All heavy atoms as atom14 arrays in JSON, in Angstrom:
{
  "sequence": "IARALVQDPALLRCDEPKGNLDSAKGELALELLE",
  "atom14_mask": [
    [1, 1, 1, 1, 1, 1, 1, 1, 0, 0, 0, 0, 0, 0],
    [1, 1, 1, 1, 1, 0, 0, 0, 0, 0, 0, 0, 0, 0],
    [1, 1, 1, 1, 1, 1, 1, 1, 1, 1, 1, 0, 0, 0],
    [1, 1, 1, 1, 1, 0, 0, 0, 0, 0, 0, 0, 0, 0],
    [1, 1, 1, 1, 1, 1, 1, 1, 0, 0, 0, 0, 0, 0],
    [1, 1, 1, 1, 1, 1, 1, 0, 0, 0, 0, 0, 0, 0],
    [1, 1, 1, 1, 1, 1, 1, 1, 1, 0, 0, 0, 0, 0],
    [1, 1, 1, 1, 1, 1, 1, 1, 0, 0, 0, 0, 0, 0],
    [1, 1, 1, 1, 1, 1, 1, 0, 0, 0, 0, 0, 0, 0],
    [1, 1, 1, 1, 1, 0, 0, 0, 0, 0, 0, 0, 0, 0],
    [1, 1, 1, 1, 1, 1, 1, 1, 0, 0, 0, 0, 0, 0],
    [1, 1, 1, 1, 1, 1, 1, 1, 0, 0, 0, 0, 0, 0],
    [1, 1, 1, 1, 1, 1, 1, 1, 1, 1, 1, 0, 0, 0],
    [1, 1, 1, 1, 1, 1, 0, 0, 0, 0, 0, 0, 0, 0],
    [1, 1, 1, 1, 1, 1, 1, 1, 0, 0, 0, 0, 0, 0],
    [1, 1, 1, 1, 1, 1, 1, 1, 1, 0, 0, 0, 0, 0],
    [1, 1, 1, 1, 1, 1, 1, 0, 0, 0, 0, 0, 0, 0],
    [1, 1, 1, 1, 1, 1, 1, 1, 1, 0, 0, 0, 0, 0],
    [1, 1, 1, 1, 0, 0, 0, 0, 0, 0, 0, 0, 0, 0],
    [1, 1, 1, 1, 1, 1, 1, 1, 0, 0, 0, 0, 0, 0],
    [1, 1, 1, 1, 1, 1, 1, 1, 0, 0, 0, 0, 0, 0],
    [1, 1, 1, 1, 1, 1, 1, 1, 0, 0, 0, 0, 0, 0],
    [1, 1, 1, 1, 1, 1, 0, 0, 0, 0, 0, 0, 0, 0],
    [1, 1, 1, 1, 1, 0, 0, 0, 0, 0, 0, 0, 0, 0],
    [1, 1, 1, 1, 1, 1, 1, 1, 1, 0, 0, 0, 0, 0],
    [1, 1, 1, 1, 0, 0, 0, 0, 0, 0, 0, 0, 0, 0],
    [1, 1, 1, 1, 1, 1, 1, 1, 1, 0, 0, 0, 0, 0],
    [1, 1, 1, 1, 1, 1, 1, 1, 0, 0, 0, 0, 0, 0],
    [1, 1, 1, 1, 1, 0, 0, 0, 0, 0, 0, 0, 0, 0],
    [1, 1, 1, 1, 1, 1, 1, 1, 0, 0, 0, 0, 0, 0],
    [1, 1, 1, 1, 1, 1, 1, 1, 1, 0, 0, 0, 0, 0],
    [1, 1, 1, 1, 1, 1, 1, 1, 0, 0, 0, 0, 0, 0],
    [1, 1, 1, 1, 1, 1, 1, 1, 0, 0, 0, 0, 0, 0],
    [1, 1, 1, 1, 1, 1, 1, 1, 1, 0, 0, 0, 0, 0]
  ],
  "atom14_positions": [
    [[-2.85, -43.94, -33.79], [-2.07, -44.01, -32.59], [-2.94, -44.17, -31.34], [-2.7, -44.97, -30.5], [-1.11, -42.78, -32.47], [-0.05, -42.82, -33.55], [-0.48, -42.7, -31.08], [0.77, -41.53, -33.67], [0.0, 0.0, 0.0], [0.0, 0.0, 0.0], [0.0, 0.0, 0.0], [0.0, 0.0, 0.0], [0.0, 0.0, 0.0], [0.0, 0.0, 0.0]],
    [[-4.03, -43.32, -31.31], [-4.94, -43.43, -30.22], [-5.61, -44.79, -30.09], [-5.72, -45.4, -29.02], [-6.03, -42.36, -30.35], [0.0, 0.0, 0.0], [0.0, 0.0, 0.0], [0.0, 0.0, 0.0], [0.0, 0.0, 0.0], [0.0, 0.0, 0.0], [0.0, 0.0, 0.0], [0.0, 0.0, 0.0], [0.0, 0.0, 0.0], [0.0, 0.0, 0.0]],
    [[-5.94, -45.38, -31.25], [-6.57, -46.72, -31.3], [-5.55, -47.72, -30.76], [-5.93, -48.66, -30.03], [-7.0, -47.0, -32.72], [-7.99, -48.18, -32.82], [-8.57, -48.33, -34.26], [-7.6, -48.1, -35.31], [-7.87, -47.36, -36.33], [-9.03, -46.8, -36.52], [-6.99, -47.23, -37.32], [0.0, 0.0, 0.0], [0.0, 0.0, 0.0], [0.0, 0.0, 0.0]],
    [[-4.3, -47.61, -31.13], [-3.27, -48.58, -30.68], [-3.05, -48.43, -29.21], [-2.9, -49.39, -28.51], [-2.01, -48.3, -31.47], [0.0, 0.0, 0.0], [0.0, 0.0, 0.0], [0.0, 0.0, 0.0], [0.0, 0.0, 0.0], [0.0, 0.0, 0.0], [0.0, 0.0, 0.0], [0.0, 0.0, 0.0], [0.0, 0.0, 0.0], [0.0, 0.0, 0.0]],
    [[-3.09, -47.18, -28.7], [-2.79, -46.98, -27.29], [-3.91, -47.38, -26.31], [-3.67, -47.58, -25.14], [-2.41, -45.48, -27.1], [-1.09, -45.06, -27.68], [-0.93, -43.54, -27.52], [0.05, -45.83, -27.04], [0.0, 0.0, 0.0], [0.0, 0.0, 0.0], [0.0, 0.0, 0.0], [0.0, 0.0, 0.0], [0.0, 0.0, 0.0], [0.0, 0.0, 0.0]],
    [[-5.13, -47.52, -26.82], [-6.25, -47.89, -26.01], [-5.97, -49.27, -25.33], [-6.35, -49.48, -24.19], [-7.59, -47.97, -26.81], [-8.66, -48.73, -26.13], [-8.05, -46.59, -27.17], [0.0, 0.0, 0.0], [0.0, 0.0, 0.0], [0.0, 0.0, 0.0], [0.0, 0.0, 0.0], [0.0, 0.0, 0.0], [0.0, 0.0, 0.0], [0.0, 0.0, 0.0]],
    [[-5.21, -50.16, -26.02], [-4.94, -51.46, -25.53], [-3.77, -51.42, -24.54], [-3.39, -52.46, -23.98], [-4.58, -52.44, -26.66], [-5.69, -52.59, -27.63], [-6.97, -53.2, -27.03], [-6.87, -54.1, -26.15], [-8.12, -52.76, -27.39], [0.0, 0.0, 0.0], [0.0, 0.0, 0.0], [0.0, 0.0, 0.0], [0.0, 0.0, 0.0], [0.0, 0.0, 0.0]],
    [[-3.08, -50.26, -24.32], [-2.01, -50.07, -23.47], [-0.82, -50.99, -23.75], [-0.32, -51.74, -22.86], [-2.42, -50.2, -22.0], [-1.31, -49.67, -21.06], [-0.61, -48.77, -21.44], [-1.22, -50.19, -19.94], [0.0, 0.0, 0.0], [0.0, 0.0, 0.0], [0.0, 0.0, 0.0], [0.0, 0.0, 0.0], [0.0, 0.0, 0.0], [0.0, 0.0, 0.0]],
    [[-0.33, -51.01, -25.01], [0.79, -51.89, -25.35], [2.07, -51.4, -24.82], [2.29, -50.19, -24.62], [0.75, -51.84, -26.91], [0.3, -50.44, -27.18], [-0.71, -50.15, -26.12], [0.0, 0.0, 0.0], [0.0, 0.0, 0.0], [0.0, 0.0, 0.0], [0.0, 0.0, 0.0], [0.0, 0.0, 0.0], [0.0, 0.0, 0.0], [0.0, 0.0, 0.0]],
    [[3.01, -52.28, -24.58], [4.36, -51.91, -24.15], [5.18, -51.45, -25.37], [6.08, -50.67, -25.23], [5.06, -53.1, -23.45], [0.0, 0.0, 0.0], [0.0, 0.0, 0.0], [0.0, 0.0, 0.0], [0.0, 0.0, 0.0], [0.0, 0.0, 0.0], [0.0, 0.0, 0.0], [0.0, 0.0, 0.0], [0.0, 0.0, 0.0], [0.0, 0.0, 0.0]],
    [[4.78, -51.96, -26.56], [5.49, -51.64, -27.78], [4.53, -51.04, -28.77], [3.43, -51.64, -29.04], [6.12, -52.92, -28.31], [6.71, -52.84, -29.71], [7.97, -52.1, -29.64], [6.96, -54.27, -30.2], [0.0, 0.0, 0.0], [0.0, 0.0, 0.0], [0.0, 0.0, 0.0], [0.0, 0.0, 0.0], [0.0, 0.0, 0.0], [0.0, 0.0, 0.0]],
    [[4.88, -49.93, -29.35], [4.1, -49.25, -30.45], [4.85, -49.42, -31.73], [5.98, -48.91, -31.81], [3.84, -47.84, -30.07], [2.94, -47.06, -31.04], [1.51, -47.65, -31.05], [2.84, -45.62, -30.61], [0.0, 0.0, 0.0], [0.0, 0.0, 0.0], [0.0, 0.0, 0.0], [0.0, 0.0, 0.0], [0.0, 0.0, 0.0], [0.0, 0.0, 0.0]],
    [[4.27, -50.08, -32.76], [4.91, -50.29, -33.99], [4.43, -49.31, -35.03], [3.21, -49.06, -35.18], [4.68, -51.68, -34.53], [5.26, -52.75, -33.65], [4.83, -54.1, -34.07], [3.41, -54.21, -33.79], [2.61, -55.22, -34.27], [3.11, -56.14, -35.01], [1.36, -55.25, -34.0], [0.0, 0.0, 0.0], [0.0, 0.0, 0.0], [0.0, 0.0, 0.0]],
    [[5.3, -48.64, -35.71], [4.98, -47.57, -36.68], [5.65, -47.89, -38.02], [6.87, -48.18, -38.04], [5.46, -46.21, -36.18], [4.73, -45.71, -34.66], [0.0, 0.0, 0.0], [0.0, 0.0, 0.0], [0.0, 0.0, 0.0], [0.0, 0.0, 0.0], [0.0, 0.0, 0.0], [0.0, 0.0, 0.0], [0.0, 0.0, 0.0], [0.0, 0.0, 0.0]],
    [[4.93, -47.81, -39.08], [5.45, -48.03, -40.42], [5.36, -46.76, -41.19], [4.31, -46.24, -41.45], [4.65, -49.14, -41.08], [5.25, -49.46, -42.51], [6.35, -49.13, -42.78], [4.48, -50.17, -43.24], [0.0, 0.0, 0.0], [0.0, 0.0, 0.0], [0.0, 0.0, 0.0], [0.0, 0.0, 0.0], [0.0, 0.0, 0.0], [0.0, 0.0, 0.0]],
    [[6.54, -46.17, -41.47], [6.6, -44.9, -42.22], [5.72, -43.85, -41.64], [4.73, -43.38, -42.26], [6.28, -45.09, -43.73], [7.22, -46.01, -44.47], [8.66, -45.41, -44.64], [8.91, -44.28, -44.29], [9.51, -46.19, -45.13], [0.0, 0.0, 0.0], [0.0, 0.0, 0.0], [0.0, 0.0, 0.0], [0.0, 0.0, 0.0], [0.0, 0.0, 0.0]],
    [[6.03, -43.36, -40.46], [5.1, -42.4, -39.73], [4.89, -41.04, -40.44], [3.92, -40.4, -40.21], [5.74, -42.21, -38.41], [7.19, -42.6, -38.53], [7.21, -43.67, -39.63], [0.0, 0.0, 0.0], [0.0, 0.0, 0.0], [0.0, 0.0, 0.0], [0.0, 0.0, 0.0], [0.0, 0.0, 0.0], [0.0, 0.0, 0.0], [0.0, 0.0, 0.0]],
    [[5.84, -40.71, -41.37], [5.64, -39.5, -42.08], [5.11, -39.7, -43.48], [4.89, -38.81, -44.28], [6.99, -38.71, -42.21], [7.42, -38.09, -40.98], [8.76, -37.37, -41.05], [8.79, -36.34, -42.16], [10.06, -35.54, -42.18], [0.0, 0.0, 0.0], [0.0, 0.0, 0.0], [0.0, 0.0, 0.0], [0.0, 0.0, 0.0], [0.0, 0.0, 0.0]],
    [[4.89, -41.0, -43.85], [4.36, -41.35, -45.19], [3.03, -40.63, -45.46], [2.17, -40.53, -44.58], [0.0, 0.0, 0.0], [0.0, 0.0, 0.0], [0.0, 0.0, 0.0], [0.0, 0.0, 0.0], [0.0, 0.0, 0.0], [0.0, 0.0, 0.0], [0.0, 0.0, 0.0], [0.0, 0.0, 0.0], [0.0, 0.0, 0.0], [0.0, 0.0, 0.0]],
    [[2.93, -40.11, -46.71], [1.68, -39.46, -47.14], [1.35, -38.18, -46.36], [0.2, -37.75, -46.39], [0.46, -40.41, -47.08], [0.67, -41.6, -48.03], [1.2, -41.46, -49.12], [0.31, -42.75, -47.55], [0.0, 0.0, 0.0], [0.0, 0.0, 0.0], [0.0, 0.0, 0.0], [0.0, 0.0, 0.0], [0.0, 0.0, 0.0], [0.0, 0.0, 0.0]],
    [[2.32, -37.58, -45.69], [2.03, -36.34, -45.02], [3.03, -35.28, -45.54], [4.12, -35.59, -45.99], [2.4, -36.47, -43.47], [1.52, -37.43, -42.64], [2.07, -37.55, -41.28], [0.05, -36.99, -42.65], [0.0, 0.0, 0.0], [0.0, 0.0, 0.0], [0.0, 0.0, 0.0], [0.0, 0.0, 0.0], [0.0, 0.0, 0.0], [0.0, 0.0, 0.0]],
    [[2.55, -33.98, -45.52], [3.47, -32.93, -45.93], [4.46, -32.8, -44.82], [4.35, -33.35, -43.74], [2.7, -31.58, -46.24], [1.92, -31.09, -45.03], [2.5, -31.09, -43.92], [0.84, -30.56, -45.23], [0.0, 0.0, 0.0], [0.0, 0.0, 0.0], [0.0, 0.0, 0.0], [0.0, 0.0, 0.0], [0.0, 0.0, 0.0], [0.0, 0.0, 0.0]],
    [[5.54, -31.99, -45.08], [6.62, -31.92, -44.11], [6.22, -31.37, -42.75], [6.67, -31.88, -41.74], [7.8, -31.11, -44.64], [7.35, -29.96, -45.29], [0.0, 0.0, 0.0], [0.0, 0.0, 0.0], [0.0, 0.0, 0.0], [0.0, 0.0, 0.0], [0.0, 0.0, 0.0], [0.0, 0.0, 0.0], [0.0, 0.0, 0.0], [0.0, 0.0, 0.0]],
    [[5.31, -30.38, -42.72], [4.9, -29.83, -41.41], [4.14, -30.84, -40.64], [4.36, -31.05, -39.36], [4.03, -28.6, -41.64], [0.0, 0.0, 0.0], [0.0, 0.0, 0.0], [0.0, 0.0, 0.0], [0.0, 0.0, 0.0], [0.0, 0.0, 0.0], [0.0, 0.0, 0.0], [0.0, 0.0, 0.0], [0.0, 0.0, 0.0], [0.0, 0.0, 0.0]],
    [[3.23, -31.57, -41.26], [2.43, -32.54, -40.5], [3.24, -33.8, -40.18], [3.06, -34.42, -39.13], [1.19, -32.95, -41.36], [0.14, -31.86, -41.4], [-1.02, -32.25, -42.22], [-2.03, -31.09, -42.26], [-3.15, -31.33, -43.1], [0.0, 0.0, 0.0], [0.0, 0.0, 0.0], [0.0, 0.0, 0.0], [0.0, 0.0, 0.0], [0.0, 0.0, 0.0]],
    [[4.21, -34.1, -40.99], [5.17, -35.16, -40.69], [5.93, -34.89, -39.44], [6.16, -35.77, -38.61], [0.0, 0.0, 0.0], [0.0, 0.0, 0.0], [0.0, 0.0, 0.0], [0.0, 0.0, 0.0], [0.0, 0.0, 0.0], [0.0, 0.0, 0.0], [0.0, 0.0, 0.0], [0.0, 0.0, 0.0], [0.0, 0.0, 0.0], [0.0, 0.0, 0.0]],
    [[6.41, -33.64, -39.34], [7.15, -33.28, -38.11], [6.22, -33.37, -36.87], [6.66, -33.79, -35.83], [7.68, -31.86, -38.25], [8.84, -31.75, -39.24], [9.96, -32.73, -38.97], [10.36, -32.87, -37.84], [10.43, -33.33, -39.96], [0.0, 0.0, 0.0], [0.0, 0.0, 0.0], [0.0, 0.0, 0.0], [0.0, 0.0, 0.0], [0.0, 0.0, 0.0]],
    [[4.95, -33.0, -37.06], [4.03, -33.13, -35.9], [3.84, -34.53, -35.51], [3.78, -34.86, -34.3], [2.66, -32.48, -36.23], [2.61, -31.01, -36.27], [1.23, -30.54, -36.82], [2.84, -30.37, -34.91], [0.0, 0.0, 0.0], [0.0, 0.0, 0.0], [0.0, 0.0, 0.0], [0.0, 0.0, 0.0], [0.0, 0.0, 0.0], [0.0, 0.0, 0.0]],
    [[3.78, -35.46, -36.51], [3.6, -36.89, -36.19], [4.87, -37.4, -35.37], [4.65, -38.18, -34.43], [3.42, -37.67, -37.45], [0.0, 0.0, 0.0], [0.0, 0.0, 0.0], [0.0, 0.0, 0.0], [0.0, 0.0, 0.0], [0.0, 0.0, 0.0], [0.0, 0.0, 0.0], [0.0, 0.0, 0.0], [0.0, 0.0, 0.0], [0.0, 0.0, 0.0]],
    [[6.03, -36.98, -35.81], [7.24, -37.43, -35.14], [7.3, -36.84, -33.71], [7.72, -37.51, -32.75], [8.49, -37.01, -35.9], [8.66, -37.77, -37.21], [9.94, -37.28, -37.96], [8.74, -39.27, -36.99], [0.0, 0.0, 0.0], [0.0, 0.0, 0.0], [0.0, 0.0, 0.0], [0.0, 0.0, 0.0], [0.0, 0.0, 0.0], [0.0, 0.0, 0.0]],
    [[6.87, -35.57, -33.58], [6.85, -34.99, -32.23], [5.84, -35.7, -31.3], [6.16, -35.96, -30.11], [6.45, -33.53, -32.38], [7.57, -32.64, -32.87], [7.08, -31.23, -33.14], [6.02, -30.78, -32.61], [7.77, -30.44, -33.89], [0.0, 0.0, 0.0], [0.0, 0.0, 0.0], [0.0, 0.0, 0.0], [0.0, 0.0, 0.0], [0.0, 0.0, 0.0]],
    [[4.75, -36.1, -31.87], [3.79, -36.87, -31.03], [4.36, -38.19, -30.59], [4.26, -38.59, -29.43], [2.5, -37.16, -31.93], [1.45, -38.0, -31.28], [0.9, -37.33, -30.02], [0.32, -38.25, -32.31], [0.0, 0.0, 0.0], [0.0, 0.0, 0.0], [0.0, 0.0, 0.0], [0.0, 0.0, 0.0], [0.0, 0.0, 0.0], [0.0, 0.0, 0.0]],
    [[5.07, -38.89, -31.52], [5.71, -40.17, -31.09], [6.78, -39.94, -30.0], [6.93, -40.73, -29.06], [6.32, -40.83, -32.3], [5.33, -41.4, -33.25], [6.0, -41.94, -34.54], [4.43, -42.51, -32.62], [0.0, 0.0, 0.0], [0.0, 0.0, 0.0], [0.0, 0.0, 0.0], [0.0, 0.0, 0.0], [0.0, 0.0, 0.0], [0.0, 0.0, 0.0]],
    [[7.53, -38.89, -30.2], [8.59, -38.55, -29.19], [8.02, -38.24, -27.84], [8.46, -38.73, -26.86], [9.38, -37.32, -29.63], [10.58, -37.04, -28.79], [11.4, -35.88, -29.27], [11.33, -35.55, -30.49], [12.08, -35.27, -28.46], [0.0, 0.0, 0.0], [0.0, 0.0, 0.0], [0.0, 0.0, 0.0], [0.0, 0.0, 0.0], [0.0, 0.0, 0.0]]
  ]
}
């Protein structure tokens, strides 16, 4: 996410943001996107 944001895009594309994460870390990833 940080690497993508360095370019200051208007649109951030995410593919399965909770993929390969346990439920607690998946929730953190979604909170970060929110």
